């Protein structure tokens, strides 16, 4: 499929291959060359749109301050509103963060999955990503395309933020991408419509749910059981 955005930005890579859509599991499979192009873009500081099990994300090298700045500017997001980062596996979490024992127990129970886990970040994580905070949200998406991208980009983590303009609805289909987003991304990995339910954002160490989303009831039950008290729910 060719989108109008390719005409707006002729330098952007064509976005997908759906030859695998007739496979037994009936899932759209991204062409290997497209994944390679997306990884090259990320390593070069460029922006990539990628699917997750929740919404489409806007990804750059999450350790590259200049690339992260491009995410904020492209989304129109204020710099005091931190971004999360995504990694390819539970074992990769400690590469960029310093999770507590409880946080690691939680991560092993819920990730990969539609949950963003707030943990202490390592000194390698740039302040621009976290708005100067000592904690960062971490994601391991439960989506074959996102995981393939993350595995190929590793050990580089990727930003995990919706591919929308700040203040607008989350992107569940690439046809919804704003023109300003389309014109600034190098590669779009198209994999059909996503669920649209945003991730639950949780700090297991502090027993706080910052945002209710997917699997919120299961998260509340787990935290209540482990901590002995119901978590504080902010929204």
Protein backbone atom coordinates (compact mmCIF):
# COMPACT_ATOMS: atom_id res chain seq x y z
CA UNK A 1 0.00 0.00 0.00
CA UNK A 2 1.23 3.48 -0.81
CA UNK A 3 0.01 6.38 1.29
CA UNK A 4 -0.36 10.04 0.34
CA UNK A 5 2.43 10.76 2.82
CA UNK A 6 4.96 9.11 0.51
CA UNK A 7 4.12 11.82 -2.02
CA UNK A 8 4.53 14.49 0.66
CA UNK A 9 7.93 13.10 1.63
CA UNK A 10 9.56 11.36 -1.36
CA UNK A 11 12.66 10.50 0.67
CA UNK A 12 10.67 8.37 3.11
CA UNK A 13 10.86 4.61 2.68
CA UNK A 14 7.82 2.79 1.29
CA UNK A 15 6.09 1.45 4.30
CA UNK A 16 5.21 -2.21 4.31
CA UNK A 17 4.77 -5.62 2.78
CA UNK A 18 1.67 -7.68 3.48
CA UNK A 19 2.58 -10.88 1.72
CA UNK A 20 2.32 -12.68 5.02
CA UNK A 21 -1.28 -11.65 5.65
CA UNK A 22 -2.54 -14.98 4.38
CA UNK A 23 -0.47 -17.02 6.78
CA UNK A 24 -1.96 -19.40 9.29
CA UNK A 25 -1.93 -16.85 12.10
CA UNK A 26 -3.45 -14.23 9.78
CA UNK A 27 -1.03 -11.52 10.91
CA UNK A 28 0.57 -8.92 8.70
CA UNK A 29 4.27 -9.56 8.39
CA UNK A 30 6.69 -6.74 7.81
CA UNK A 31 9.23 -7.27 5.05
CA UNK A 32 12.76 -7.89 6.37
CA UNK A 33 14.11 -5.08 4.22
CA UNK A 34 11.66 -2.65 5.81
CA UNK A 35 12.76 -3.64 9.29
CA UNK A 36 16.37 -3.16 8.23
CA UNK A 37 15.51 0.28 6.85
CA UNK A 38 13.79 1.18 10.12
CA UNK A 39 16.81 0.09 12.16
CA UNK A 40 19.14 2.11 9.92
CA UNK A 41 16.91 5.14 10.39
CA UNK A 42 16.92 4.76 14.17
CA UNK A 43 20.69 4.33 14.29
CA UNK A 44 20.98 7.50 12.17
CA UNK A 45 18.86 9.57 14.55
CA UNK A 46 15.75 9.52 12.37
CA UNK A 47 12.12 8.87 13.34
CA UNK A 48 10.19 5.65 12.71
CA UNK A 49 6.50 4.86 13.19
CA UNK A 50 5.92 1.32 14.45
CA UNK A 51 2.92 -0.72 15.65
CA UNK A 52 2.41 -2.05 19.15
CA UNK A 53 -0.38 -4.04 20.78
CA UNK A 54 -1.88 -0.74 21.98
CA UNK A 55 -1.29 2.12 19.52
CA UNK A 56 1.27 3.13 16.89
CA UNK A 57 4.47 4.47 18.40
CA UNK A 58 7.03 7.06 17.36
CA UNK A 59 10.50 5.63 17.77
CA UNK A 60 14.02 7.00 17.80
CA UNK A 61 17.22 6.00 19.57
CA UNK A 62 16.23 6.60 23.20
CA UNK A 63 19.85 7.34 24.16
CA UNK A 64 20.38 10.01 21.49
CA UNK A 65 19.46 13.46 22.88
CA UNK A 66 19.22 15.09 19.45
CA UNK A 67 16.91 12.35 18.16
CA UNK A 68 14.77 12.59 21.30
CA UNK A 69 14.47 16.34 20.78
CA UNK A 70 13.09 15.61 17.29
CA UNK A 71 10.35 13.49 18.87
CA UNK A 72 9.30 16.32 21.18
CA UNK A 73 9.39 18.87 18.37
CA UNK A 74 7.56 16.65 15.86
CA UNK A 75 4.80 15.84 18.36
CA UNK A 76 4.61 19.39 19.73
CA UNK A 77 5.19 17.88 23.16
CA UNK A 78 6.52 19.98 26.03
CA UNK A 79 9.93 19.02 27.35
CA UNK A 80 8.63 18.64 30.90
CA UNK A 81 6.48 15.68 29.80
CA UNK A 82 8.85 12.67 29.82
CA UNK A 83 8.98 9.86 27.28
CA UNK A 84 9.24 6.13 27.90
CA UNK A 85 11.64 3.72 26.28
CA UNK A 86 11.11 0.24 24.84
CA UNK A 87 13.43 -2.77 24.91
CA UNK A 88 13.27 -6.20 23.35
CA UNK A 89 13.18 -8.48 26.40
CA UNK A 90 12.96 -8.72 30.17
CA UNK A 91 16.69 -9.44 30.33
CA UNK A 92 17.36 -6.14 28.53
CA UNK A 93 15.59 -4.06 31.19
CA UNK A 94 18.67 -3.88 33.43
CA UNK A 95 20.75 -2.60 30.51
CA UNK A 96 19.21 0.87 30.88
CA UNK A 97 17.50 0.88 34.29
CA UNK A 98 17.98 -0.12 37.91
CA UNK A 99 14.69 -1.79 38.83
CA UNK A 100 13.90 -2.76 42.39
CA UNK A 101 13.27 -6.40 43.28
CA UNK A 102 9.51 -5.79 43.30
CA UNK A 103 9.67 -3.99 39.96
CA UNK A 104 11.51 -6.93 38.41
CA UNK A 105 8.93 -9.34 39.80
CA UNK A 106 6.23 -7.20 38.23
CA UNK A 107 8.06 -6.94 34.91
CA UNK A 108 8.46 -10.71 34.73
CA UNK A 109 4.75 -11.12 35.45
CA UNK A 110 3.40 -8.56 32.95
CA UNK A 111 5.94 -7.97 30.18
CA UNK A 112 5.84 -8.29 27.25
CA UNK A 113 2.44 -6.67 27.52
CA UNK A 114 0.45 -3.42 27.40
CA UNK A 115 1.96 -1.96 30.56
CA UNK A 116 4.51 0.84 31.06
CA UNK A 117 6.60 0.22 34.18
CA UNK A 118 8.23 3.15 35.98
CA UNK A 119 11.67 2.29 37.36
CA UNK A 120 14.89 4.02 38.32
CA UNK A 121 16.92 4.84 35.21
CA UNK A 122 20.64 4.42 34.69
CA UNK A 123 22.98 7.36 34.12
CA UNK A 124 23.10 6.43 30.40
CA UNK A 125 19.50 7.59 29.92
CA UNK A 126 19.51 11.26 28.81
CA UNK A 127 17.79 13.86 30.96
CA UNK A 128 15.79 15.07 27.96
CA UNK A 129 13.99 11.72 27.84
CA UNK A 130 12.99 11.80 31.52
CA UNK A 131 12.55 15.58 31.92
CA UNK A 132 15.43 15.45 34.40
CA UNK A 133 13.77 12.85 36.61
CA UNK A 134 15.60 9.83 38.01
CA UNK A 135 12.88 7.43 36.83
CA UNK A 136 11.76 6.29 33.39
CA UNK A 137 8.91 4.29 31.92
CA UNK A 138 9.90 1.04 30.25
CA UNK A 139 7.92 -0.97 27.71
CA UNK A 140 8.24 -4.39 26.11
CA UNK A 141 5.44 -4.39 23.54
CA UNK A 142 3.58 -7.65 22.96
CA UNK A 143 3.56 -7.22 19.17
CA UNK A 144 5.61 -9.22 16.70
CA UNK A 145 6.60 -6.23 14.57
CA UNK A 146 7.63 -4.06 17.53
CA UNK A 147 9.63 -6.92 19.03
CA UNK A 148 11.33 -7.66 15.70
CA UNK A 149 12.29 -3.98 15.40
CA UNK A 150 13.60 -3.87 18.97
CA UNK A 151 15.55 -7.11 18.57
CA UNK A 152 17.25 -5.80 15.43
CA UNK A 153 17.98 -2.40 16.97
CA UNK A 154 19.37 -3.87 20.22
CA UNK A 155 21.21 -2.90 22.30
CA UNK A 156 19.73 0.47 21.33
CA UNK A 157 16.42 1.15 23.12
CA UNK A 158 13.66 2.99 21.25
CA UNK A 159 11.33 5.72 22.45
CA UNK A 160 7.81 4.52 23.30
CA UNK A 161 5.31 7.30 22.73
CA UNK A 162 2.18 7.47 20.59
CA UNK A 163 2.76 8.68 17.03
CA UNK A 164 0.31 11.54 17.47
CA UNK A 165 0.42 15.27 17.83
CA UNK A 166 0.29 16.11 21.53
CA UNK A 167 -3.24 16.77 22.68
CA UNK A 168 -4.83 14.67 19.94
CA UNK A 169 -6.06 11.09 19.99
CA UNK A 170 -3.74 8.11 19.84
CA UNK A 171 -2.94 6.58 16.46
CA UNK A 172 -4.48 3.16 15.83
CA UNK A 173 -4.04 3.17 12.03
CA UNK A 174 -1.35 4.79 9.91
CA UNK A 175 -4.05 6.54 7.88
CA UNK A 176 -4.60 8.66 11.00
CA UNK A 177 -1.05 10.06 11.03
CA UNK A 178 -0.96 13.86 10.98
CA UNK A 179 0.79 15.39 7.99
CA UNK A 180 3.38 16.94 10.32
CA UNK A 181 4.24 13.46 11.57
CA UNK A 182 4.30 11.94 8.08
CA UNK A 183 6.69 14.58 6.80
CA UNK A 184 9.20 14.01 9.60
CA UNK A 185 9.48 10.21 9.75
CA UNK A 186 11.89 8.13 7.68
CA UNK A 187 9.99 4.82 7.81
CA UNK A 188 6.44 3.74 8.65
CA UNK A 189 5.98 0.08 9.59
CA UNK A 190 2.35 -0.67 8.74
CA UNK A 191 0.68 -3.65 10.40
CA UNK A 192 -3.02 -2.88 10.32
CA UNK A 193 -5.25 -1.43 13.02
CA UNK A 194 -4.22 -1.67 16.66
CA UNK A 195 -6.49 -2.01 19.70
CA UNK A 196 -6.32 1.66 20.69
CA UNK A 197 -6.29 0.93 24.42
CA UNK A 198 -3.32 2.74 25.93
CA UNK A 199 -0.94 1.02 28.30
CA UNK A 200 -1.39 1.12 32.04
CA UNK A 201 1.42 3.20 33.59
CA UNK A 202 2.53 1.81 36.93
CA UNK A 203 5.29 2.26 39.50
CA UNK A 204 5.37 -1.10 41.33
CA UNK A 205 8.03 0.04 43.79
CA UNK A 206 5.92 2.96 45.00
CA UNK A 207 2.61 1.11 44.55
CA UNK A 208 1.19 3.81 42.26
CA UNK A 209 -0.81 3.55 39.05
CA UNK A 210 -0.26 6.78 37.15
CA UNK A 211 -2.69 5.89 34.35
CA UNK A 212 -5.30 3.19 34.04
CA UNK A 213 -5.23 1.41 30.69
CA UNK A 214 -4.97 -2.10 29.35
CA UNK A 215 -4.87 -4.84 32.02
CA UNK A 216 -5.49 -2.30 34.79
CA UNK A 217 -7.58 -4.68 36.89
CA UNK A 218 -4.89 -7.37 36.77
CA UNK A 219 -2.24 -4.82 37.70
CA UNK A 220 -4.29 -3.59 40.67
CA UNK A 221 -4.85 -7.15 41.86
CA UNK A 222 -1.13 -8.00 41.60
CA UNK A 223 0.00 -4.89 43.46
CA UNK A 224 -2.64 -5.33 46.16
CA UNK A 225 -1.58 -8.93 46.71
CA UNK A 226 2.18 -8.25 46.79
CA UNK A 227 2.13 -5.03 48.81
CA UNK A 228 -0.81 -5.88 51.04
CA UNK A 229 -2.49 -2.55 50.19
CA UNK A 230 -4.47 -1.31 47.21
CA UNK A 231 -2.31 0.91 45.00
CA UNK A 232 -2.81 4.64 44.70
CA UNK A 233 -4.55 5.33 41.39
CA UNK A 234 -3.91 8.78 39.96
CA UNK A 235 -6.06 8.53 36.83
